[in-house]
Amino acid sequence: MGNAVQLDDVWADRILSSVKGLEYGNVQIIVHDGKIVQIERTERKRFDSYSASPGRSRPEPLKQQSR
């Protein structure tokens, strides 16, 4: 068997921060040799169907947020 995962307060805070505010998506924790080395967050945005009715302008594109 490999080494047990070492989880300290710093990594616990990083994981919780990655999950905080996430509505749809996933958080993946990458472990190498029993140590957390990376956290990946994939966030999905879901939108209601947009009906292009007369008089409605198209919504502005979302700006990319940096991590």
Protein backbone atom coordinates (compact mmCIF):
# COMPACT_ATOMS: atom_id res chain seq x y z
CA MET A 1 0.00 0.00 0.00
CA GLY A 2 1.06 3.60 -0.59
CA ASN A 3 1.38 6.42 1.86
CA ALA A 4 -1.71 7.75 3.63
CA VAL A 5 -2.87 11.17 2.43
CA GLN A 6 -1.58 14.00 4.59
CA LEU A 7 -4.19 16.73 5.07
CA ASP A 8 -3.20 19.81 7.05
CA ASP A 9 -5.18 22.98 7.77
CA VAL A 10 -3.75 24.79 4.73
CA TRP A 11 -4.97 22.13 2.29
CA ALA A 12 -8.29 21.79 4.12
CA ASP A 13 -8.82 25.55 3.69
CA ARG A 14 -7.87 25.35 0.01
CA ILE A 15 -10.34 22.52 -0.58
CA LEU A 16 -13.15 24.32 1.24
CA SER A 17 -12.38 27.50 -0.69
CA SER A 18 -12.62 25.57 -3.98
CA VAL A 19 -16.02 24.12 -3.03
CA LYS A 20 -17.42 27.37 -1.64
CA GLY A 21 -19.97 28.97 -3.95
CA LEU A 22 -19.95 26.07 -6.39
CA GLU A 23 -23.46 25.42 -7.73
CA TYR A 24 -22.74 22.98 -10.55
CA GLY A 25 -19.39 21.37 -11.17
CA ASN A 26 -16.72 19.38 -9.42
CA VAL A 27 -13.57 19.71 -7.36
CA GLN A 28 -10.86 17.16 -8.04
CA ILE A 29 -8.00 16.62 -5.59
CA ILE A 30 -4.79 15.27 -7.13
CA VAL A 31 -2.60 13.17 -4.81
CA HIS A 32 0.97 11.99 -5.55
CA ASP A 33 2.82 9.75 -3.14
CA GLY A 34 0.37 10.45 -0.33
CA LYS A 35 0.56 14.24 -0.68
CA ILE A 36 -2.01 16.59 -2.16
CA VAL A 37 -0.32 18.39 -5.02
CA GLN A 38 -3.17 20.01 -6.94
CA ILE A 39 -6.81 21.00 -6.73
CA GLU A 40 -8.84 21.38 -9.93
CA ARG A 41 -12.20 23.12 -9.98
CA THR A 42 -14.54 22.77 -12.93
CA GLU A 43 -17.55 25.02 -12.74
CA ARG A 44 -20.60 24.70 -14.94
CA LYS A 45 -23.01 27.53 -15.60
CA ARG A 46 -26.59 26.67 -16.42
CA PHE A 47 -28.89 29.10 -18.15
CA ASP A 48 -32.59 29.07 -18.90
CA SER A 49 -33.53 28.90 -22.56
CA TYR A 50 -33.29 32.29 -24.17
CA SER A 51 -36.15 33.19 -26.43
CA ALA A 52 -35.34 35.91 -28.93
CA SER A 53 -38.57 37.83 -28.78
CA PRO A 54 -38.96 41.24 -30.45
CA GLY A 55 -37.70 44.10 -28.32
CA ARG A 56 -35.29 42.00 -26.27
CA SER A 57 -31.63 42.53 -26.74
CA ARG A 58 -29.19 39.66 -26.54
CA PRO A 59 -27.45 39.25 -23.17
CA GLU A 60 -23.86 40.42 -22.82
CA PRO A 61 -21.22 37.65 -22.84
CA LEU A 62 -19.81 36.74 -19.44
CA LYS A 63 -16.29 37.83 -18.64
CA GLN A 64 -13.81 35.09 -17.72
CA GLN A 65 -12.91 35.16 -14.03
CA SER A 66 -9.36 34.48 -13.03
CA ARG A 67 -8.63 31.95 -10.31
